[in-house]
PDB file of all heavy atoms in Angstrom:
ATOM      1  N   LEU A   1       2.646  20.281  -2.973  1.00  0.00           N
ATOM      2  CA  LEU A   1       2.721  19.903  -1.555  1.00  0.00           C
ATOM      3  C   LEU A   1       1.443  19.191  -1.131  1.00  0.00           C
ATOM      4  O   LEU A   1       1.480  18.234  -0.338  1.00  0.00           O
ATOM      5  CB  LEU A   1       2.965  21.141  -0.690  1.00  0.00           C
ATOM      6  CG  LEU A   1       4.382  21.728  -0.726  1.00  0.00           C
ATOM      7  CD1 LEU A   1       4.454  22.970   0.156  1.00  0.00           C
ATOM      8  CD2 LEU A   1       5.420  20.702  -0.271  1.00  0.00           C
ATOM      9  N   ALA A   2       0.306  19.639  -1.666  1.00  0.00           N
ATOM     10  CA  ALA A   2      -0.963  18.970  -1.372  1.00  0.00           C
ATOM     11  C   ALA A   2      -0.956  17.548  -1.936  1.00  0.00           C
ATOM     12  O   ALA A   2      -1.415  16.600  -1.274  1.00  0.00           O
ATOM     13  CB  ALA A   2      -2.126  19.766  -1.962  1.00  0.00           C
ATOM     14  N   ILE A   3      -0.428  17.386  -3.139  1.00  0.00           N
ATOM     15  CA  ILE A   3      -0.327  16.052  -3.744  1.00  0.00           C
ATOM     16  C   ILE A   3       0.565  15.152  -2.890  1.00  0.00           C
ATOM     17  O   ILE A   3       0.251  13.975  -2.657  1.00  0.00           O
ATOM     18  CB  ILE A   3       0.216  16.158  -5.180  1.00  0.00           C
ATOM     19  CG1 ILE A   3      -0.850  16.776  -6.100  1.00  0.00           C
ATOM     20  CG2 ILE A   3       0.637  14.787  -5.706  1.00  0.00           C
ATOM     21  CD1 ILE A   3      -0.351  17.109  -7.481  1.00  0.00           C
ATOM     22  N   ALA A   4       1.679  15.705  -2.404  1.00  0.00           N
ATOM     23  CA  ALA A   4       2.578  14.929  -1.552  1.00  0.00           C
ATOM     24  C   ALA A   4       1.857  14.452  -0.293  1.00  0.00           C
ATOM     25  O   ALA A   4       2.012  13.298   0.138  1.00  0.00           O
ATOM     26  CB  ALA A   4       3.803  15.762  -1.181  1.00  0.00           C
ATOM     27  N   GLY A   5       1.050  15.337   0.302  1.00  0.00           N
ATOM     28  CA  GLY A   5       0.298  14.967   1.497  1.00  0.00           C
ATOM     29  C   GLY A   5      -0.681  13.835   1.236  1.00  0.00           C
ATOM     30  O   GLY A   5      -0.809  12.898   2.041  1.00  0.00           O
ATOM     31  N   VAL A   6      -1.365  13.895   0.097  1.00  0.00           N
ATOM     32  CA  VAL A   6      -2.322  12.842  -0.262  1.00  0.00           C
ATOM     33  C   VAL A   6      -1.596  11.518  -0.475  1.00  0.00           C
ATOM     34  O   VAL A   6      -2.045  10.453  -0.013  1.00  0.00           O
ATOM     35  CB  VAL A   6      -3.106  13.239  -1.526  1.00  0.00           C
ATOM     36  CG1 VAL A   6      -3.937  12.057  -2.042  1.00  0.00           C
ATOM     37  CG2 VAL A   6      -4.020  14.430  -1.230  1.00  0.00           C
ATOM     38  N   LEU A   7      -0.462  11.551  -1.167  1.00  0.00           N
ATOM     39  CA  LEU A   7       0.303  10.330  -1.426  1.00  0.00           C
ATOM     40  C   LEU A   7       0.760   9.671  -0.124  1.00  0.00           C
ATOM     41  O   LEU A   7       0.693   8.444   0.025  1.00  0.00           O
ATOM     42  CB  LEU A   7       1.510  10.648  -2.315  1.00  0.00           C
ATOM     43  CG  LEU A   7       1.195  11.057  -3.757  1.00  0.00           C
ATOM     44  CD1 LEU A   7       2.455  11.585  -4.448  1.00  0.00           C
ATOM     45  CD2 LEU A   7       0.619   9.891  -4.541  1.00  0.00           C
ATOM     46  N   LEU A   8       1.217  10.485   0.810  1.00  0.00           N
ATOM     47  CA  LEU A   8       1.657   9.936   2.101  1.00  0.00           C
ATOM     48  C   LEU A   8       0.490   9.354   2.877  1.00  0.00           C
ATOM     49  O   LEU A   8       0.623   8.312   3.540  1.00  0.00           O
ATOM     50  CB  LEU A   8       2.356  11.031   2.911  1.00  0.00           C
ATOM     51  CG  LEU A   8       3.710  11.508   2.355  1.00  0.00           C
ATOM     52  CD1 LEU A   8       4.214  12.724   3.139  1.00  0.00           C
ATOM     53  CD2 LEU A   8       4.746  10.387   2.398  1.00  0.00           C
ATOM     54  N   LEU A   9      -0.663  10.001   2.819  1.00  0.00           N
ATOM     55  CA  LEU A   9      -1.849   9.500   3.515  1.00  0.00           C
ATOM     56  C   LEU A   9      -2.298   8.168   2.920  1.00  0.00           C
ATOM     57  O   LEU A   9      -2.638   7.227   3.656  1.00  0.00           O
ATOM     58  CB  LEU A   9      -2.984  10.525   3.414  1.00  0.00           C
ATOM     59  CG  LEU A   9      -4.309  10.159   4.105  1.00  0.00           C
ATOM     60  CD1 LEU A   9      -4.087   9.979   5.608  1.00  0.00           C
ATOM     61  CD2 LEU A   9      -5.359  11.226   3.847  1.00  0.00           C
ATOM     62  N   VAL A  10      -2.276   8.062   1.606  1.00  0.00           N
ATOM     63  CA  VAL A  10      -2.663   6.806   0.951  1.00  0.00           C
ATOM     64  C   VAL A  10      -1.660   5.699   1.290  1.00  0.00           C
ATOM     65  O   VAL A  10      -2.038   4.542   1.517  1.00  0.00           O
ATOM     66  CB  VAL A  10      -2.773   6.998  -0.578  1.00  0.00           C
ATOM     67  CG1 VAL A  10      -3.026   5.664  -1.278  1.00  0.00           C
ATOM     68  CG2 VAL A  10      -3.893   7.981  -0.907  1.00  0.00           C
ATOM     69  N   ALA A  11      -0.371   6.050   1.346  1.00  0.00           N
ATOM     70  CA  ALA A  11       0.652   5.061   1.714  1.00  0.00           C
ATOM     71  C   ALA A  11       0.395   4.518   3.109  1.00  0.00           C
ATOM     72  O   ALA A  11       0.516   3.297   3.350  1.00  0.00           O
ATOM     73  CB  ALA A  11       2.043   5.698   1.634  1.00  0.00           C
ATOM     74  N   LEU A  12       0.031   5.387   4.040  1.00  0.00           N
ATOM     75  CA  LEU A  12      -0.277   4.953   5.405  1.00  0.00           C
ATOM     76  C   LEU A  12      -1.495   4.032   5.419  1.00  0.00           C
ATOM     77  O   LEU A  12      -1.511   3.016   6.127  1.00  0.00           O
ATOM     78  CB  LEU A  12      -0.537   6.180   6.292  1.00  0.00           C
ATOM     79  CG  LEU A  12      -0.926   5.895   7.747  1.00  0.00           C
ATOM     80  CD1 LEU A  12       0.192   5.137   8.465  1.00  0.00           C
ATOM     81  CD2 LEU A  12      -1.247   7.192   8.490  1.00  0.00           C
ATOM     82  N   THR A  13      -2.496   4.379   4.610  1.00  0.00           N
ATOM     83  CA  THR A  13      -3.700   3.543   4.543  1.00  0.00           C
ATOM     84  C   THR A  13      -3.360   2.144   4.031  1.00  0.00           C
ATOM     85  O   THR A  13      -3.818   1.137   4.592  1.00  0.00           O
ATOM     86  CB  THR A  13      -4.743   4.194   3.614  1.00  0.00           C
ATOM     87  OG1 THR A  13      -5.034   5.520   4.077  1.00  0.00           O
ATOM     88  CG2 THR A  13      -6.027   3.375   3.592  1.00  0.00           C
ATOM     89  N   PHE A  14      -2.553   2.071   2.977  1.00  0.00           N
ATOM     90  CA  PHE A  14      -2.149   0.768   2.452  1.00  0.00           C
ATOM     91  C   PHE A  14      -1.341  -0.025   3.482  1.00  0.00           C
ATOM     92  O   PHE A  14      -1.445  -1.248   3.554  1.00  0.00           O
ATOM     93  CB  PHE A  14      -1.327   0.938   1.169  1.00  0.00           C
ATOM     94  CG  PHE A  14      -2.158   0.934  -0.082  1.00  0.00           C
ATOM     95  CD1 PHE A  14      -2.623   2.122  -0.625  1.00  0.00           C
ATOM     96  CD2 PHE A  14      -2.477  -0.251  -0.716  1.00  0.00           C
ATOM     97  CE1 PHE A  14      -3.391   2.129  -1.776  1.00  0.00           C
ATOM     98  CE2 PHE A  14      -3.241  -0.264  -1.876  1.00  0.00           C
ATOM     99  CZ  PHE A  14      -3.712   0.938  -2.406  1.00  0.00           C
ATOM    100  N   ARG A  15      -0.558   0.679   4.273  1.00  0.00           N
ATOM    101  CA  ARG A  15       0.253   0.006   5.295  1.00  0.00           C
ATOM    102  C   ARG A  15      -0.637  -0.652   6.345  1.00  0.00           C
ATOM    103  O   ARG A  15      -0.319  -1.738   6.865  1.00  0.00           O
ATOM    104  CB  ARG A  15       1.192   1.015   5.958  1.00  0.00           C
ATOM    105  CG  ARG A  15       2.039   0.450   7.089  1.00  0.00           C
ATOM    106  CD  ARG A  15       3.040  -0.575   6.563  1.00  0.00           C
ATOM    107  NE  ARG A  15       3.833  -1.159   7.637  1.00  0.00           N
ATOM    108  CZ  ARG A  15       3.457  -2.176   8.390  1.00  0.00           C
ATOM    109  NH1 ARG A  15       2.263  -2.752   8.190  1.00  0.00           N
ATOM    110  NH2 ARG A  15       4.233  -2.651   9.333  1.00  0.00           N
ATOM    111  N   LEU A  16      -1.775  -0.025   6.643  1.00  0.00           N
ATOM    112  CA  LEU A  16      -2.633  -0.511   7.715  1.00  0.00           C
ATOM    113  C   LEU A  16      -3.630  -1.573   7.261  1.00  0.00           C
ATOM    114  O   LEU A  16      -4.154  -2.334   8.077  1.00  0.00           O
ATOM    115  CB  LEU A  16      -3.394   0.671   8.338  1.00  0.00           C
ATOM    116  CG  LEU A  16      -2.534   1.741   9.022  1.00  0.00           C
ATOM    117  CD1 LEU A  16      -3.407   2.899   9.502  1.00  0.00           C
ATOM    118  CD2 LEU A  16      -1.748   1.139  10.180  1.00  0.00           C
ATOM    119  N   VAL A  17      -3.900  -1.614   5.951  1.00  0.00           N
ATOM    120  CA  VAL A  17      -4.922  -2.537   5.438  1.00  0.00           C
ATOM    121  C   VAL A  17      -4.289  -3.866   5.025  1.00  0.00           C
ATOM    122  O   VAL A  17      -3.217  -3.886   4.407  1.00  0.00           O
ATOM    123  CB  VAL A  17      -5.660  -1.898   4.229  1.00  0.00           C
ATOM    124  CG1 VAL A  17      -6.564  -2.921   3.544  1.00  0.00           C
ATOM    125  CG2 VAL A  17      -6.477  -0.701   4.695  1.00  0.00           C
ATOM    126  N   HIS A  18      -4.962  -4.958   5.370  1.00  0.00           N
ATOM    127  CA  HIS A  18      -4.477  -6.295   4.993  1.00  0.00           C
ATOM    128  C   HIS A  18      -4.843  -6.588   3.547  1.00  0.00           C
ATOM    129  O   HIS A  18      -5.997  -6.458   3.148  1.00  0.00           O
ATOM    130  CB  HIS A  18      -5.094  -7.353   5.903  1.00  0.00           C
ATOM    131  CG  HIS A  18      -4.818  -8.765   5.466  1.00  0.00           C
ATOM    132  ND1 HIS A  18      -3.559  -9.325   5.555  1.00  0.00           N
ATOM    133  CD2 HIS A  18      -5.631  -9.706   4.917  1.00  0.00           C
ATOM    134  CE1 HIS A  18      -3.618 -10.562   5.093  1.00  0.00           C
ATOM    135  NE2 HIS A  18      -4.861 -10.822   4.697  1.00  0.00           N
ATOM    136  N   PHE A  19      -3.865  -6.993   2.750  1.00  0.00           N
ATOM    137  CA  PHE A  19      -4.083  -7.360   1.355  1.00  0.00           C
ATOM    138  C   PHE A  19      -4.344  -8.859   1.258  1.00  0.00           C
ATOM    139  O   PHE A  19      -3.610  -9.643   1.854  1.00  0.00           O
ATOM    140  CB  PHE A  19      -2.842  -7.026   0.513  1.00  0.00           C
ATOM    141  CG  PHE A  19      -2.980  -5.781  -0.313  1.00  0.00           C
ATOM    142  CD1 PHE A  19      -3.584  -4.660   0.211  1.00  0.00           C
ATOM    143  CD2 PHE A  19      -2.505  -5.737  -1.613  1.00  0.00           C
ATOM    144  CE1 PHE A  19      -3.714  -3.517  -0.539  1.00  0.00           C
ATOM    145  CE2 PHE A  19      -2.635  -4.598  -2.380  1.00  0.00           C
ATOM    146  CZ  PHE A  19      -3.238  -3.475  -1.842  1.00  0.00           C
ATOM    147  N   PRO A  20      -5.359  -9.271   0.499  1.00  0.00           N
ATOM    148  CA  PRO A  20      -5.526 -10.714   0.290  1.00  0.00           C
ATOM    149  C   PRO A  20      -4.368 -11.256  -0.525  1.00  0.00           C
ATOM    150  O   PRO A  20      -3.959 -10.643  -1.520  1.00  0.00           O
ATOM    151  CB  PRO A  20      -6.838 -10.809  -0.507  1.00  0.00           C
ATOM    152  CG  PRO A  20      -6.987  -9.464  -1.153  1.00  0.00           C
ATOM    153  CD  PRO A  20      -6.385  -8.481  -0.193  1.00  0.00           C
ATOM    154  N   PRO A  21      -3.773 -12.388  -0.126  1.00  0.00           N
ATOM    155  CA  PRO A  21      -2.629 -12.934  -0.869  1.00  0.00           C
ATOM    156  C   PRO A  21      -3.064 -13.494  -2.216  1.00  0.00           C
ATOM    157  O   PRO A  21      -4.223 -13.855  -2.401  1.00  0.00           O
ATOM    158  CB  PRO A  21      -2.116 -14.051   0.045  1.00  0.00           C
ATOM    159  CG  PRO A  21      -3.343 -14.479   0.801  1.00  0.00           C
ATOM    160  CD  PRO A  21      -4.168 -13.238   1.009  1.00  0.00           C
ATOM    161  N   VAL A  22      -2.135 -13.541  -3.158  1.00  0.00           N
ATOM    162  CA  VAL A  22      -2.408 -14.159  -4.453  1.00  0.00           C
ATOM    163  C   VAL A  22      -1.419 -15.288  -4.667  1.00  0.00           C
ATOM    164  O   VAL A  22      -0.298 -15.249  -4.166  1.00  0.00           O
ATOM    165  CB  VAL A  22      -2.300 -13.151  -5.620  1.00  0.00           C
ATOM    166  CG1 VAL A  22      -3.376 -12.098  -5.525  1.00  0.00           C
ATOM    167  CG2 VAL A  22      -0.927 -12.511  -5.664  1.00  0.00           C
ATOM    168  N   GLN A  23      -1.847 -16.297  -5.382  1.00  0.00           N
ATOM    169  CA  GLN A  23      -0.968 -17.433  -5.644  1.00  0.00           C
ATOM    170  C   GLN A  23       0.226 -16.987  -6.474  1.00  0.00           C
ATOM    171  O   GLN A  23       0.103 -16.167  -7.373  1.00  0.00           O
ATOM    172  CB  GLN A  23      -1.746 -18.510  -6.401  1.00  0.00           C
ATOM    173  CG  GLN A  23      -2.867 -19.126  -5.588  1.00  0.00           C
ATOM    174  CD  GLN A  23      -3.728 -20.055  -6.425  1.00  0.00           C
ATOM    175  OE1 GLN A  23      -3.478 -20.249  -7.606  1.00  0.00           O
ATOM    176  NE2 GLN A  23      -4.747 -20.622  -5.792  1.00  0.00           N
ATOM    177  N   GLU A  24       1.404 -17.516  -6.146  1.00  0.00           N
ATOM    178  CA  GLU A  24       2.655 -17.254  -6.851  1.00  0.00           C
ATOM    179  C   GLU A  24       3.116 -15.813  -6.732  1.00  0.00           C
ATOM    180  O   GLU A  24       3.914 -15.344  -7.518  1.00  0.00           O
ATOM    181  CB  GLU A  24       2.533 -17.626  -8.339  1.00  0.00           C
ATOM    182  CG  GLU A  24       2.217 -19.083  -8.574  1.00  0.00           C
ATOM    183  CD  GLU A  24       2.111 -19.412 -10.048  1.00  0.00           C
ATOM    184  OE1 GLU A  24       2.224 -18.494 -10.892  1.00  0.00           O
ATOM    185  OE2 GLU A  24       1.929 -20.588 -10.366  1.00  0.00           O
ATOM    186  N   GLU A  25       2.562 -15.060  -5.720  1.00  0.00           N
ATOM    187  CA  GLU A  25       2.991 -13.674  -5.585  1.00  0.00           C
ATOM    188  C   GLU A  25       4.441 -13.600  -5.156  1.00  0.00           C
ATOM    189  O   GLU A  25       5.189 -12.751  -5.597  1.00  0.00           O
ATOM    190  CB  GLU A  25       2.095 -12.947  -4.577  1.00  0.00           C
ATOM    191  CG  GLU A  25       2.427 -11.483  -4.467  1.00  0.00           C
ATOM    192  CD  GLU A  25       1.476 -10.762  -3.540  1.00  0.00           C
ATOM    193  OE1 GLU A  25       0.651 -11.401  -2.879  1.00  0.00           O
ATOM    194  OE2 GLU A  25       1.599  -9.529  -3.466  1.00  0.00           O
ATOM    195  N   HIS A  26       4.849 -14.508  -4.281  1.00  0.00           N
ATOM    196  CA  HIS A  26       6.233 -14.530  -3.836  1.00  0.00           C
ATOM    197  C   HIS A  26       7.023 -15.517  -4.681  1.00  0.00           C
ATOM    198  O   HIS A  26       6.483 -16.305  -5.405  1.00  0.00           O
ATOM    199  CB  HIS A  26       6.308 -14.912  -2.358  1.00  0.00           C
ATOM    200  CG  HIS A  26       5.556 -13.967  -1.467  1.00  0.00           C
ATOM    201  ND1 HIS A  26       6.044 -12.750  -1.084  1.00  0.00           N
ATOM    202  CD2 HIS A  26       4.313 -14.072  -0.926  1.00  0.00           C
ATOM    203  CE1 HIS A  26       5.143 -12.142  -0.310  1.00  0.00           C
ATOM    204  NE2 HIS A  26       4.087 -12.924  -0.208  1.00  0.00           N
ATOM    205  N   GLY A  27       8.312 -15.470  -4.564  1.00  0.00           N
ATOM    206  CA  GLY A  27       9.093 -16.427  -5.310  1.00  0.00           C
ATOM    207  C   GLY A  27      10.512 -15.984  -5.548  1.00  0.00           C
ATOM    208  O   GLY A  27      11.119 -16.352  -6.538  1.00  0.00           O
ATOM    209  N   GLY A  28      11.066 -15.140  -4.663  1.00  0.00           N
ATOM    210  CA  GLY A  28      12.463 -14.736  -4.806  1.00  0.00           C
ATOM    211  C   GLY A  28      12.676 -13.818  -5.971  1.00  0.00           C
ATOM    212  O   GLY A  28      11.959 -12.867  -6.173  1.00  0.00           O
TER     213      GLY A  28
END
């Protein structure tokens, strides 16, 4: 349960932080 809490907290952090784009990252 503690691991689950940490995973959810990290997911929220990633949601809030802007990722620098990389070339060719998108493409269908």
